[in-house]
Amino acid sequence: QVQLVESGGGLVQPGGSLRLSCAASGRIFSILSMAWYRQAPGKQRELVAVMTNDGSANDADPVKGRFTISRDNAKNTVYLQMTDLKPEDTAIYSCAAARLWLPTTEQHYAFWGQGTQVTVSS
C-alpha cells in the first residue's frame, strides 16, 4: 500500500500563490507517476498535473503557465506550485499515485490522499 498526505491548502486572494505538498510513504517503489487532481463544488474531478519518476510532466490547459508540478525523490514528495490564482481554481486538491506512465484517466490511479481545500477569494 501507498499512503499520501497532502498539505498546504488554505485561503488566498485572487492573484496570490500557494504551494501544495504531497508526502508519499509505504510501497512507493511501485509508483511511476504522481498527480494532482482537483474537484470544485458541483463539478467532476479533473486532472491538474502529473509527473513521472524521471521528471516527465503534463499540465492541464486551464493551469498552463500558472501551476508547476515538481517532485523531490529524496523526500518522496510531490509539490504543486500555484501562482496567479483565480476564483475558479477553488477546489479540493488531491494527490494521486499510479503504477503507470503519465496516466490521464482517474481510474488508473490506485492511491489517493484525503485532499486539501484551496479557496481563492477576496
PDB file of N, CA and C in Angstrom:
ATOM      1  N   GLN A   1       0.823  -1.191   0.000  1.00  0.00           N
ATOM      2  CA  GLN A   1       0.000   0.000   0.000  1.00  0.00           C
ATOM      3  C   GLN A   1       0.864   1.251   0.000  1.00  0.00           C
ATOM      4  N   VAL A   2       0.286   2.303  -0.495  1.00  0.00           N
ATOM      5  CA  VAL A   2       0.950   3.607  -0.520  1.00  0.00           C
ATOM      6  C   VAL A   2       0.049   4.606   0.187  1.00  0.00           C
ATOM      7  N   GLN A   3       0.638   5.390   1.062  1.00  0.00           N
ATOM      8  CA  GLN A   3      -0.109   6.427   1.758  1.00  0.00           C
ATOM      9  C   GLN A   3       0.333   7.793   1.234  1.00  0.00           C
ATOM     10  N   LEU A   4      -0.664   8.656   1.023  1.00  0.00           N
ATOM     11  CA  LEU A   4      -0.401  10.001   0.512  1.00  0.00           C
ATOM     12  C   LEU A   4      -1.029  11.020   1.457  1.00  0.00           C
ATOM     13  N   VAL A   5      -0.246  12.011   1.839  1.00  0.00           N
ATOM     14  CA  VAL A   5      -0.746  13.047   2.750  1.00  0.00           C
ATOM     15  C   VAL A   5      -0.457  14.411   2.151  1.00  0.00           C
ATOM     16  N   GLU A   6      -1.546  15.158   1.888  1.00  0.00           N
ATOM     17  CA  GLU A   6      -1.396  16.496   1.313  1.00  0.00           C
ATOM     18  C   GLU A   6      -1.344  17.555   2.414  1.00  0.00           C
ATOM     19  N   SER A   7      -0.723  18.670   2.068  1.00  0.00           N
ATOM     20  CA  SER A   7      -0.704  19.824   2.967  1.00  0.00           C
ATOM     21  C   SER A   7      -0.502  21.077   2.127  1.00  0.00           C
ATOM     22  N   GLY A   8      -0.794  22.227   2.738  1.00  0.00           N
ATOM     23  CA  GLY A   8      -0.510  23.499   2.078  1.00  0.00           C
ATOM     24  C   GLY A   8      -1.709  24.257   1.561  1.00  0.00           C
ATOM     25  N   GLY A   9      -2.899  23.692   1.680  1.00  0.00           N
ATOM     26  CA  GLY A   9      -4.070  24.405   1.213  1.00  0.00           C
ATOM     27  C   GLY A   9      -4.421  25.584   2.117  1.00  0.00           C
ATOM     28  N   GLY A  10      -5.416  26.359   1.686  1.00  0.00           N
ATOM     29  CA  GLY A  10      -5.835  27.496   2.503  1.00  0.00           C
ATOM     30  C   GLY A  10      -6.604  28.508   1.691  1.00  0.00           C
ATOM     31  N   LEU A  11      -6.784  29.667   2.307  1.00  0.00           N
ATOM     32  CA  LEU A  11      -7.498  30.777   1.678  1.00  0.00           C
ATOM     33  C   LEU A  11      -6.479  31.763   1.136  1.00  0.00           C
ATOM     34  N   VAL A  12      -6.664  32.161  -0.116  1.00  0.00           N
ATOM     35  CA  VAL A  12      -5.743  33.103  -0.745  1.00  0.00           C
ATOM     36  C   VAL A  12      -6.545  34.059  -1.616  1.00  0.00           C
ATOM     37  N   GLN A  13      -6.053  35.262  -1.758  1.00  0.00           N
ATOM     38  CA  GLN A  13      -6.717  36.249  -2.596  1.00  0.00           C
ATOM     39  C   GLN A  13      -6.408  36.008  -4.069  1.00  0.00           C
ATOM     40  N   PRO A  14      -7.287  36.438  -4.957  1.00  0.00           N
ATOM     41  CA  PRO A  14      -7.005  36.319  -6.396  1.00  0.00           C
ATOM     42  C   PRO A  14      -5.665  36.957  -6.737  1.00  0.00           C
ATOM     43  N   GLY A  15      -4.908  36.259  -7.585  1.00  0.00           N
ATOM     44  CA  GLY A  15      -3.576  36.712  -7.939  1.00  0.00           C
ATOM     45  C   GLY A  15      -2.496  36.197  -7.014  1.00  0.00           C
ATOM     46  N   GLY A  16      -2.882  35.579  -5.930  1.00  0.00           N
ATOM     47  CA  GLY A  16      -1.919  35.075  -4.958  1.00  0.00           C
ATOM     48  C   GLY A  16      -1.346  33.720  -5.342  1.00  0.00           C
ATOM     49  N   SER A  17      -0.513  33.191  -4.451  1.00  0.00           N
ATOM     50  CA  SER A  17       0.175  31.922  -4.697  1.00  0.00           C
ATOM     51  C   SER A  17       0.038  30.992  -3.499  1.00  0.00           C
ATOM     52  N   LEU A  18       0.123  29.712  -3.776  1.00  0.00           N
ATOM     53  CA  LEU A  18       0.160  28.678  -2.748  1.00  0.00           C
ATOM     54  C   LEU A  18       1.023  27.542  -3.265  1.00  0.00           C
ATOM     55  N   ARG A  19       1.622  26.812  -2.337  1.00  0.00           N
ATOM     56  CA  ARG A  19       2.328  25.589  -2.720  1.00  0.00           C
ATOM     57  C   ARG A  19       1.759  24.426  -1.931  1.00  0.00           C
ATOM     58  N   LEU A  20       1.285  23.432  -2.661  1.00  0.00           N
ATOM     59  CA  LEU A  20       0.775  22.214  -2.051  1.00  0.00           C
ATOM     60  C   LEU A  20       1.886  21.162  -2.026  1.00  0.00           C
ATOM     61  N   SER A  21       1.844  20.345  -0.989  1.00  0.00           N
ATOM     62  CA  SER A  21       2.803  19.248  -0.858  1.00  0.00           C
ATOM     63  C   SER A  21       2.048  17.940  -0.699  1.00  0.00           C
ATOM     64  N   CYS A  22       2.643  16.873  -1.211  1.00  0.00           N
ATOM     65  CA  CYS A  22       2.078  15.525  -1.062  1.00  0.00           C
ATOM     66  C   CYS A  22       3.216  14.584  -0.701  1.00  0.00           C
ATOM     67  N   ALA A  23       3.190  14.100   0.521  1.00  0.00           N
ATOM     68  CA  ALA A  23       4.216  13.182   1.004  1.00  0.00           C
ATOM     69  C   ALA A  23       3.737  11.749   0.849  1.00  0.00           C
ATOM     70  N   ALA A  24       4.549  10.932   0.202  1.00  0.00           N
ATOM     71  CA  ALA A  24       4.215   9.528  -0.027  1.00  0.00           C
ATOM     72  C   ALA A  24       5.018   8.628   0.902  1.00  0.00           C
ATOM     73  N   SER A  25       4.377   7.556   1.347  1.00  0.00           N
ATOM     74  CA  SER A  25       5.061   6.567   2.179  1.00  0.00           C
ATOM     75  C   SER A  25       4.495   5.203   1.863  1.00  0.00           C
ATOM     76  N   GLY A  26       5.188   4.168   2.338  1.00  0.00           N
ATOM     77  CA  GLY A  26       4.746   2.810   2.081  1.00  0.00           C
ATOM     78  C   GLY A  26       5.521   2.200   0.911  1.00  0.00           C
ATOM     79  N   ARG A  27       4.846   1.423   0.092  1.00  0.00           N
ATOM     80  CA  ARG A  27       5.481   0.698  -1.008  1.00  0.00           C
ATOM     81  C   ARG A  27       5.623   1.590  -2.239  1.00  0.00           C
ATOM     82  N   ILE A  28       6.363   2.660  -2.070  1.00  0.00           N
ATOM     83  CA  ILE A  28       6.458   3.669  -3.127  1.00  0.00           C
ATOM     84  C   ILE A  28       7.324   3.228  -4.293  1.00  0.00           C
ATOM     85  N   PHE A  29       8.094   2.132  -4.152  1.00  0.00           N
ATOM     86  CA  PHE A  29       8.942   1.669  -5.242  1.00  0.00           C
ATOM     87  C   PHE A  29       8.125   1.291  -6.464  1.00  0.00           C
ATOM     88  N   SER A  30       6.836   0.987  -6.259  1.00  0.00           N
ATOM     89  CA  SER A  30       5.974   0.564  -7.357  1.00  0.00           C
ATOM     90  C   SER A  30       5.342   1.743  -8.104  1.00  0.00           C
ATOM     91  N   ILE A  31       5.528   2.940  -7.597  1.00  0.00           N
ATOM     92  CA  ILE A  31       4.864   4.105  -8.168  1.00  0.00           C
ATOM     93  C   ILE A  31       5.694   4.725  -9.288  1.00  0.00           C
ATOM     94  N   LEU A  32       5.080   4.910 -10.456  1.00  0.00           N
ATOM     95  CA  LEU A  32       5.758   5.538 -11.587  1.00  0.00           C
ATOM     96  C   LEU A  32       5.335   6.991 -11.791  1.00  0.00           C
ATOM     97  N   SER A  33       4.104   7.310 -11.427  1.00  0.00           N
ATOM     98  CA  SER A  33       3.595   8.660 -11.668  1.00  0.00           C
ATOM     99  C   SER A  33       2.829   9.149 -10.454  1.00  0.00           C
ATOM    100  N   MET A  34       2.944  10.456 -10.219  1.00  0.00           N
ATOM    101  CA  MET A  34       2.136  11.093  -9.189  1.00  0.00           C
ATOM    102  C   MET A  34       1.477  12.322  -9.802  1.00  0.00           C
ATOM    103  N   ALA A  35       0.257  12.577  -9.350  1.00  0.00           N
ATOM    104  CA  ALA A  35      -0.535  13.634  -9.978  1.00  0.00           C
ATOM    105  C   ALA A  35      -1.291  14.447  -8.934  1.00  0.00           C
ATOM    106  N   TRP A  36      -1.732  15.595  -9.382  1.00  0.00           N
ATOM    107  CA  TRP A  36      -2.668  16.422  -8.630  1.00  0.00           C
ATOM    108  C   TRP A  36      -3.973  16.488  -9.412  1.00  0.00           C
ATOM    109  N   TYR A  37      -5.051  16.204  -8.703  1.00  0.00           N
ATOM    110  CA  TYR A  37      -6.400  16.366  -9.223  1.00  0.00           C
ATOM    111  C   TYR A  37      -7.090  17.442  -8.386  1.00  0.00           C
ATOM    112  N   ARG A  38      -8.175  17.977  -8.922  1.00  0.00           N
ATOM    113  CA  ARG A  38      -8.986  18.899  -8.142  1.00  0.00           C
ATOM    114  C   ARG A  38     -10.457  18.687  -8.455  1.00  0.00           C
ATOM    115  N   GLN A  39     -11.276  18.994  -7.459  1.00  0.00           N
ATOM    116  CA  GLN A  39     -12.716  18.890  -7.642  1.00  0.00           C
ATOM    117  C   GLN A  39     -13.375  20.109  -7.036  1.00  0.00           C
ATOM    118  N   ALA A  40     -14.011  20.893  -7.887  1.00  0.00           N
ATOM    119  CA  ALA A  40     -14.737  22.079  -7.447  1.00  0.00           C
ATOM    120  C   ALA A  40     -16.170  21.670  -7.105  1.00  0.00           C
ATOM    121  N   PRO A  41     -16.846  22.451  -6.283  1.00  0.00           N
ATOM    122  CA  PRO A  41     -18.229  22.123  -5.922  1.00  0.00           C
ATOM    123  C   PRO A  41     -19.108  21.970  -7.152  1.00  0.00           C
ATOM    124  N   GLY A  42     -19.824  20.852  -7.214  1.00  0.00           N
ATOM    125  CA  GLY A  42     -20.740  20.618  -8.308  1.00  0.00           C
ATOM    126  C   GLY A  42     -20.098  20.211  -9.616  1.00  0.00           C
ATOM    127  N   LYS A  43     -18.799  19.983  -9.604  1.00  0.00           N
ATOM    128  CA  LYS A  43     -18.094  19.606 -10.842  1.00  0.00           C
ATOM    129  C   LYS A  43     -17.382  18.272 -10.671  1.00  0.00           C
ATOM    130  N   GLN A  44     -17.043  17.679 -11.797  1.00  0.00           N
ATOM    131  CA  GLN A  44     -16.292  16.427 -11.770  1.00  0.00           C
ATOM    132  C   GLN A  44     -14.834  16.697 -11.406  1.00  0.00           C
ATOM    133  N   ARG A  45     -14.210  15.694 -10.842  1.00  0.00           N
ATOM    134  CA  ARG A  45     -12.784  15.812 -10.534  1.00  0.00           C
ATOM    135  C   ARG A  45     -12.003  15.868 -11.842  1.00  0.00           C
ATOM    136  N   GLU A  46     -10.999  16.725 -11.881  1.00  0.00           N
ATOM    137  CA  GLU A  46     -10.220  16.890 -13.104  1.00  0.00           C
ATOM    138  C   GLU A  46      -8.727  16.848 -12.799  1.00  0.00           C
ATOM    139  N   LEU A  47      -7.980  16.351 -13.764  1.00  0.00           N
ATOM    140  CA  LEU A  47      -6.531  16.278 -13.638  1.00  0.00           C
ATOM    141  C   LEU A  47      -5.938  17.677 -13.759  1.00  0.00           C
ATOM    142  N   VAL A  48      -5.036  17.999 -12.842  1.00  0.00           N
ATOM    143  CA  VAL A  48      -4.350  19.289 -12.881  1.00  0.00           C
ATOM    144  C   VAL A  48      -2.955  19.130 -13.483  1.00  0.00           C
ATOM    145  N   ALA A  49      -2.211  18.172 -12.975  1.00  0.00           N
ATOM    146  CA  ALA A  49      -0.852  17.958 -13.465  1.00  0.00           C
ATOM    147  C   ALA A  49      -0.383  16.581 -13.023  1.00  0.00           C
ATOM    148  N   VAL A  50       0.515  15.998 -13.804  1.00  0.00           N
ATOM    149  CA  VAL A  50       1.064  14.676 -13.490  1.00  0.00           C
ATOM    150  C   VAL A  50       2.548  14.682 -13.809  1.00  0.00           C
ATOM    151  N   MET A  51       3.316  13.944 -13.013  1.00  0.00           N
ATOM    152  CA  MET A  51       4.754  13.856 -13.209  1.00  0.00           C
ATOM    153  C   MET A  51       5.234  12.431 -12.954  1.00  0.00           C
ATOM    154  N   THR A  52       6.192  11.979 -13.777  1.00  0.00           N
ATOM    155  CA  THR A  52       6.765  10.642 -13.602  1.00  0.00           C
ATOM    156  C   THR A  52       8.001  10.701 -12.716  1.00  0.00           C
ATOM    157  N   ASN A  53       8.545   9.532 -12.425  1.00  0.00           N
ATOM    158  CA  ASN A  53       9.739   9.452 -11.581  1.00  0.00           C
ATOM    159  C   ASN A  53      10.939  10.157 -12.205  1.00  0.00           C
ATOM    160  N   ASP A  54      10.989  10.177 -13.555  1.00  0.00           N
ATOM    161  CA  ASP A  54      12.157  10.782 -14.201  1.00  0.00           C
ATOM    162  C   ASP A  54      11.939  12.242 -14.559  1.00  0.00           C
ATOM    163  N   GLY A  55      10.800  12.796 -14.150  1.00  0.00           N
ATOM    164  CA  GLY A  55      10.581  14.222 -14.346  1.00  0.00           C
ATOM    165  C   GLY A  55       9.718  14.614 -15.525  1.00  0.00           C
ATOM    166  N   SER A  56       9.271  13.663 -16.317  1.00  0.00           N
ATOM    167  CA  SER A  56       8.349  13.999 -17.398  1.00  0.00           C
ATOM    168  C   SER A  56       7.038  14.477 -16.785  1.00  0.00           C
ATOM    169  N   ALA A  57       6.458  15.517 -17.386  1.00  0.00           N
ATOM    170  CA  ALA A  57       5.267  16.099 -16.770  1.00  0.00           C
ATOM    171  C   ALA A  57       4.268  16.577 -17.812  1.00  0.00           C
ATOM    172  N   ASN A  58       3.025  16.582 -17.426  1.00  0.00           N
ATOM    173  CA  ASN A  58       1.949  17.168 -18.221  1.00  0.00           C
ATOM    174  C   ASN A  58       1.112  18.062 -17.330  1.00  0.00           C
ATOM    175  N   ASP A  59       0.689  19.198 -17.866  1.00  0.00           N
ATOM    176  CA  ASP A  59      -0.213  20.099 -17.153  1.00  0.00           C
ATOM    177  C   ASP A  59      -1.516  20.224 -17.926  1.00  0.00           C
ATOM    178  N   ALA A  60      -2.607  20.407 -17.195  1.00  0.00           N
ATOM    179  CA  ALA A  60      -3.890  20.627 -17.845  1.00  0.00           C
ATOM    180  C   ALA A  60      -3.940  22.051 -18.411  1.00  0.00           C
ATOM    181  N   ASP A  61      -4.700  22.227 -19.482  1.00  0.00           N
ATOM    182  CA  ASP A  61      -4.756  23.534 -20.154  1.00  0.00           C
ATOM    183  C   ASP A  61      -5.164  24.688 -19.232  1.00  0.00           C
ATOM    184  N   PRO A  62      -6.135  24.503 -18.342  1.00  0.00           N
ATOM    185  CA  PRO A  62      -6.565  25.641 -17.503  1.00  0.00           C
ATOM    186  C   PRO A  62      -5.480  26.187 -16.574  1.00  0.00           C
ATOM    187  N   VAL A  63      -4.423  25.397 -16.343  1.00  0.00           N
ATOM    188  CA  VAL A  63      -3.407  25.842 -15.386  1.00  0.00           C
ATOM    189  C   VAL A  63      -2.055  26.064 -16.029  1.00  0.00           C
ATOM    190  N   LYS A  64      -1.961  25.840 -17.324  1.00  0.00           N
ATOM    191  CA  LYS A  64      -0.666  26.003 -18.004  1.00  0.00           C
ATOM    192  C   LYS A  64      -0.145  27.425 -17.815  1.00  0.00           C
ATOM    193  N   GLY A  65       1.114  27.500 -17.450  1.00  0.00           N
ATOM    194  CA  GLY A  65       1.739  28.799 -17.240  1.00  0.00           C
ATOM    195  C   GLY A  65       1.521  29.367 -15.857  1.00  0.00           C
ATOM    196  N   ARG A  66       0.632  28.759 -15.080  1.00  0.00           N
ATOM    197  CA  ARG A  66       0.352  29.249 -13.725  1.00  0.00           C
ATOM    198  C   ARG A  66       0.738  28.237 -12.652  1.00  0.00           C
ATOM    199  N   PHE A  67       0.538  26.965 -12.915  1.00  0.00           N
ATOM    200  CA  PHE A  67       0.829  25.916 -11.941  1.00  0.00           C
ATOM    201  C   PHE A  67       2.037  25.109 -12.420  1.00  0.00           C
ATOM    202  N   THR A  68       2.847  24.667 -11.490  1.00  0.00           N
ATOM    203  CA  THR A  68       4.015  23.853 -11.810  1.00  0.00           C
ATOM    204  C   THR A  68       4.094  22.674 -10.851  1.00  0.00           C
ATOM    205  N   ILE A  69       4.161  21.477 -11.416  1.00  0.00           N
ATOM    206  CA  ILE A  69       4.346  20.286 -10.598  1.00  0.00           C
ATOM    207  C   ILE A  69       5.828  19.958 -10.516  1.00  0.00           C
ATOM    208  N   SER A  70       6.276  19.544  -9.355  1.00  0.00           N
ATOM    209  CA  SER A  70       7.672  19.144  -9.183  1.00  0.00           C
ATOM    210  C   SER A  70       7.725  18.046  -8.130  1.00  0.00           C
ATOM    211  N   ARG A  71       8.882  17.421  -8.001  1.00  0.00           N
ATOM    212  CA  ARG A  71       8.997  16.369  -7.005  1.00  0.00           C
ATOM    213  C   ARG A  71      10.400  16.327  -6.449  1.00  0.00           C
ATOM    214  N   ASP A  72      10.489  15.890  -5.222  1.00  0.00           N
ATOM    215  CA  ASP A  72      11.758  15.668  -4.547  1.00  0.00           C
ATOM    216  C   ASP A  72      11.807  14.186  -4.220  1.00  0.00           C
ATOM    217  N   ASN A  73      12.527  13.431  -5.021  1.00  0.00           N
ATOM    218  CA  ASN A  73      12.540  11.981  -4.842  1.00  0.00           C
ATOM    219  C   ASN A  73      13.171  11.583  -3.503  1.00  0.00           C
ATOM    220  N   ALA A  74      14.107  12.377  -3.040  1.00  0.00           N
ATOM    221  CA  ALA A  74      14.757  12.053  -1.766  1.00  0.00           C
ATOM    222  C   ALA A  74      13.767  12.152  -0.602  1.00  0.00           C
ATOM    223  N   LYS A  75      12.780  13.028  -0.749  1.00  0.00           N
ATOM    224  CA  LYS A  75      11.774  13.204   0.300  1.00  0.00           C
ATOM    225  C   LYS A  75      10.468  12.499  -0.032  1.00  0.00           C
ATOM    226  N   ASN A  76      10.415  11.831  -1.180  1.00  0.00           N
ATOM    227  CA  ASN A  76       9.183  11.155  -1.615  1.00  0.00           C
ATOM    228  C   ASN A  76       8.000  12.115  -1.584  1.00  0.00           C
ATOM    229  N   THR A  77       8.235  13.315  -2.070  1.00  0.00           N
ATOM    230  CA  THR A  77       7.224  14.366  -2.002  1.00  0.00           C
ATOM    231  C   THR A  77       7.034  15.007  -3.371  1.00  0.00           C
ATOM    232  N   VAL A  78       5.785  15.255  -3.694  1.00  0.00           N
ATOM    233  CA  VAL A  78       5.414  15.976  -4.914  1.00  0.00           C
ATOM    234  C   VAL A  78       4.804  17.306  -4.506  1.00  0.00           C
ATOM    235  N   TYR A  79       5.119  18.326  -5.280  1.00  0.00           N
ATOM    236  CA  TYR A  79       4.639  19.667  -4.985  1.00  0.00           C
ATOM    237  C   TYR A  79       3.788  20.192  -6.138  1.00  0.00           C
ATOM    238  N   LEU A  80       2.920  21.116  -5.820  1.00  0.00           N
ATOM    239  CA  LEU A  80       2.189  21.862  -6.837  1.00  0.00           C
ATOM    240  C   LEU A  80       2.305  23.336  -6.474  1.00  0.00           C
ATOM    241  N   GLN A  81       3.130  24.047  -7.230  1.00  0.00           N
ATOM    242  CA  GLN A  81       3.259  25.477  -7.038  1.00  0.00           C
ATOM    243  C   GLN A  81       2.198  26.173  -7.870  1.00  0.00           C
ATOM    244  N   MET A  82       1.349  26.925  -7.196  1.00  0.00           N
ATOM    245  CA  MET A  82       0.233  27.587  -7.871  1.00  0.00           C
ATOM    246  C   MET A  82       0.422  29.095  -7.775  1.00  0.00           C
ATOM    247  N   THR A  83       0.420  29.755  -8.918  1.00  0.00           N
ATOM    248  CA  THR A  83       0.568  31.208  -8.958  1.00  0.00           C
ATOM    249  C   THR A  83      -0.599  31.817  -9.719  1.00  0.00           C
ATOM    250  N   ASP A  84      -0.751  33.132  -9.587  1.00  0.00           N
ATOM    251  CA  ASP A  84      -1.832  33.851 -10.264  1.00  0.00           C
ATOM    252  C   ASP A  84      -3.165  33.114 -10.082  1.00  0.00           C
ATOM    253  N   LEU A  85      -3.467  32.780  -8.856  1.00  0.00           N
ATOM    254  CA  LEU A  85      -4.677  32.010  -8.567  1.00  0.00           C
ATOM    255  C   LEU A  85      -5.935  32.806  -8.884  1.00  0.00           C
ATOM    256  N   LYS A  86      -6.936  32.103  -9.371  1.00  0.00           N
ATOM    257  CA  LYS A  86      -8.211  32.698  -9.760  1.00  0.00           C
ATOM    258  C   LYS A  86      -9.325  32.055  -8.940  1.00  0.00           C
ATOM    259  N   PRO A  87     -10.451  32.744  -8.796  1.00  0.00           N
ATOM    260  CA  PRO A  87     -11.571  32.146  -8.041  1.00  0.00           C
ATOM    261  C   PRO A  87     -11.977  30.785  -8.588  1.00  0.00           C
ATOM    262  N   GLU A  88     -11.856  30.594  -9.886  1.00  0.00           N
ATOM    263  CA  GLU A  88     -12.242  29.306 -10.478  1.00  0.00           C
ATOM    264  C   GLU A  88     -11.262  28.187 -10.137  1.00  0.00           C
ATOM    265  N   ASP A  89     -10.154  28.510  -9.493  1.00  0.00           N
ATOM    266  CA  ASP A  89      -9.229  27.477  -9.010  1.00  0.00           C
ATOM    267  C   ASP A  89      -9.674  26.905  -7.657  1.00  0.00           C
ATOM    268  N   THR A  90     -10.699  27.490  -7.080  1.00  0.00           N
ATOM    269  CA  THR A  90     -11.210  26.999  -5.799  1.00  0.00           C
ATOM    270  C   THR A  90     -11.688  25.561  -5.944  1.00  0.00           C
ATOM    271  N   ALA A  91     -11.150  24.681  -5.113  1.00  0.00           N
ATOM    272  CA  ALA A  91     -11.471  23.253  -5.209  1.00  0.00           C
ATOM    273  C   ALA A  91     -10.771  22.511  -4.077  1.00  0.00           C
ATOM    274  N   ILE A  92     -11.139  21.248  -3.953  1.00  0.00           N
ATOM    275  CA  ILE A  92     -10.360  20.338  -3.117  1.00  0.00           C
ATOM    276  C   ILE A  92      -9.301  19.718  -4.026  1.00  0.00           C
ATOM    277  N   TYR A  93      -8.048  19.859  -3.632  1.00  0.00           N
ATOM    278  CA  TYR A  93      -6.932  19.339  -4.415  1.00  0.00           C
ATOM    279  C   TYR A  93      -6.450  18.040  -3.770  1.00  0.00           C
ATOM    280  N   SER A  94      -6.371  16.997  -4.595  1.00  0.00           N
ATOM    281  CA  SER A  94      -5.977  15.686  -4.100  1.00  0.00           C
ATOM    282  C   SER A  94      -4.758  15.178  -4.845  1.00  0.00           C
ATOM    283  N   CYS A  95      -3.915  14.511  -4.111  1.00  0.00           N
ATOM    284  CA  CYS A  95      -2.734  13.874  -4.677  1.00  0.00           C
ATOM    285  C   CYS A  95      -3.093  12.425  -5.021  1.00  0.00           C
ATOM    286  N   ALA A  96      -2.535  11.919  -6.120  1.00  0.00           N
ATOM    287  CA  ALA A  96      -2.805  10.548  -6.527  1.00  0.00           C
ATOM    288  C   ALA A  96      -1.529   9.908  -7.045  1.00  0.00           C
ATOM    289  N   ALA A  97      -1.454   8.591  -6.910  1.00  0.00           N
ATOM    290  CA  ALA A  97      -0.266   7.857  -7.361  1.00  0.00           C
ATOM    291  C   ALA A  97      -0.678   6.671  -8.209  1.00  0.00           C
ATOM    292  N   ALA A  98       0.141   6.389  -9.237  1.00  0.00           N
ATOM    293  CA  ALA A  98      -0.189   5.313 -10.166  1.00  0.00           C
ATOM    294  C   ALA A  98       1.037   4.482 -10.483  1.00  0.00           C
ATOM    295  N   ARG A  99       0.787   3.263 -10.854  1.00  0.00           N
ATOM    296  CA  ARG A  99       1.865   2.362 -11.273  1.00  0.00           C
ATOM    297  C   ARG A  99       2.064   2.424 -12.790  1.00  0.00           C
ATOM    298  N   LEU A 100       1.458   3.407 -13.422  1.00  0.00           N
ATOM    299  CA  LEU A 100       1.537   3.571 -14.872  1.00  0.00           C
ATOM    300  C   LEU A 100       2.307   4.837 -15.222  1.00  0.00           C
ATOM    301  N   TRP A 101       2.628   4.968 -16.507  1.00  0.00           N
ATOM    302  CA  TRP A 101       3.432   6.101 -17.005  1.00  0.00           C
ATOM    303  C   TRP A 101       2.509   7.203 -17.505  1.00  0.00           C
ATOM    304  N   LEU A 102       2.476   8.335 -16.783  1.00  0.00           N
ATOM    305  CA  LEU A 102       1.706   9.524 -17.152  1.00  0.00           C
ATOM    306  C   LEU A 102       0.235   9.208 -17.463  1.00  0.00           C
ATOM    307  N   PRO A 103      -0.433   8.503 -16.603  1.00  0.00           N
ATOM    308  CA  PRO A 103      -1.852   8.247 -16.851  1.00  0.00           C
ATOM    309  C   PRO A 103      -2.664   9.527 -16.708  1.00  0.00           C
ATOM    310  N   THR A 104      -3.672   9.681 -17.564  1.00  0.00           N
ATOM    311  CA  THR A 104      -4.526  10.860 -17.512  1.00  0.00           C
ATOM    312  C   THR A 104      -5.950  10.509 -17.135  1.00  0.00           C
ATOM    313  N   THR A 105      -6.183   9.220 -16.895  1.00  0.00           N
ATOM    314  CA  THR A 105      -7.518   8.762 -16.517  1.00  0.00           C
ATOM    315  C   THR A 105      -7.545   8.485 -15.030  1.00  0.00           C
ATOM    316  N   GLU A 106      -8.533   9.045 -14.377  1.00  0.00           N
ATOM    317  CA  GLU A 106      -8.658   8.930 -12.921  1.00  0.00           C
ATOM    318  C   GLU A 106      -8.621   7.475 -12.458  1.00  0.00           C
ATOM    319  N   GLN A 107      -9.223   6.597 -13.230  1.00  0.00           N
ATOM    320  CA  GLN A 107      -9.333   5.206 -12.812  1.00  0.00           C
ATOM    321  C   GLN A 107      -7.980   4.506 -12.758  1.00  0.00           C
ATOM    322  N   HIS A 108      -6.972   5.067 -13.393  1.00  0.00           N
ATOM    323  CA  HIS A 108      -5.645   4.452 -13.415  1.00  0.00           C
ATOM    324  C   HIS A 108      -4.821   4.774 -12.173  1.00  0.00           C
ATOM    325  N   TYR A 109      -5.342   5.632 -11.323  1.00  0.00           N
ATOM    326  CA  TYR A 109      -4.625   5.969 -10.102  1.00  0.00           C
ATOM    327  C   TYR A 109      -5.117   5.082  -8.968  1.00  0.00           C
ATOM    328  N   ALA A 110      -4.195   4.332  -8.392  1.00  0.00           N
ATOM    329  CA  ALA A 110      -4.573   3.349  -7.385  1.00  0.00           C
ATOM    330  C   ALA A 110      -4.628   3.925  -5.974  1.00  0.00           C
ATOM    331  N   PHE A 111      -3.910   5.012  -5.754  1.00  0.00           N
ATOM    332  CA  PHE A 111      -3.801   5.539  -4.401  1.00  0.00           C
ATOM    333  C   PHE A 111      -4.130   7.026  -4.399  1.00  0.00           C
ATOM    334  N   TRP A 112      -4.855   7.442  -3.351  1.00  0.00           N
ATOM    335  CA  TRP A 112      -5.314   8.823  -3.258  1.00  0.00           C
ATOM    336  C   TRP A 112      -5.098   9.349  -1.849  1.00  0.00           C
ATOM    337  N   GLY A 113      -4.799  10.640  -1.772  1.00  0.00           N
ATOM    338  CA  GLY A 113      -4.753  11.301  -0.484  1.00  0.00           C
ATOM    339  C   GLY A 113      -6.143  11.790  -0.105  1.00  0.00           C
ATOM    340  N   GLN A 114      -6.231  12.398   1.071  1.00  0.00           N
ATOM    341  CA  GLN A 114      -7.514  12.858   1.581  1.00  0.00           C
ATOM    342  C   GLN A 114      -7.959  14.172   0.938  1.00  0.00           C
ATOM    343  N   GLY A 115      -7.004  14.917   0.415  1.00  0.00           N
ATOM    344  CA  GLY A 115      -7.347  16.187  -0.208  1.00  0.00           C
ATOM    345  C   GLY A 115      -7.110  17.365   0.713  1.00  0.00           C
ATOM    346  N   THR A 116      -6.891  18.526   0.097  1.00  0.00           N
ATOM    347  CA  THR A 116      -6.703  19.757   0.847  1.00  0.00           C
ATOM    348  C   THR A 116      -7.477  20.872   0.138  1.00  0.00           C
ATOM    349  N   GLN A 117      -8.174  21.678   0.925  1.00  0.00           N
ATOM    350  CA  GLN A 117      -9.033  22.718   0.356  1.00  0.00           C
ATOM    351  C   GLN A 117      -8.204  23.935  -0.043  1.00  0.00           C
ATOM    352  N   VAL A 118      -8.453  24.401  -1.259  1.00  0.00           N
ATOM    353  CA  VAL A 118      -7.881  25.666  -1.725  1.00  0.00           C
ATOM    354  C   VAL A 118      -9.049  26.589  -2.070  1.00  0.00           C
ATOM    355  N   THR A 119      -9.085  27.741  -1.436  1.00  0.00           N
ATOM    356  CA  THR A 119     -10.143  28.709  -1.680  1.00  0.00           C
ATOM    357  C   THR A 119      -9.517  30.022  -2.138  1.00  0.00           C
ATOM    358  N   VAL A 120      -9.951  30.489  -3.302  1.00  0.00           N
ATOM    359  CA  VAL A 120      -9.432  31.744  -3.848  1.00  0.00           C
ATOM    360  C   VAL A 120     -10.568  32.764  -3.807  1.00  0.00           C
ATOM    361  N   SER A 121     -10.431  33.731  -2.943  1.00  0.00           N
ATOM    362  CA  SER A 121     -11.498  34.693  -2.741  1.00  0.00           C
ATOM    363  C   SER A 121     -10.945  35.968  -2.131  1.00  0.00           C
ATOM    364  N   SER A 122     -11.572  37.082  -2.494  1.00  0.00           N
ATOM    365  CA  SER A 122     -11.180  38.358  -1.887  1.00  0.00           C
ATOM    366  C   SER A 122     -12.048  38.663  -0.671  1.00  0.00           C
TER     367      SER A 122
END
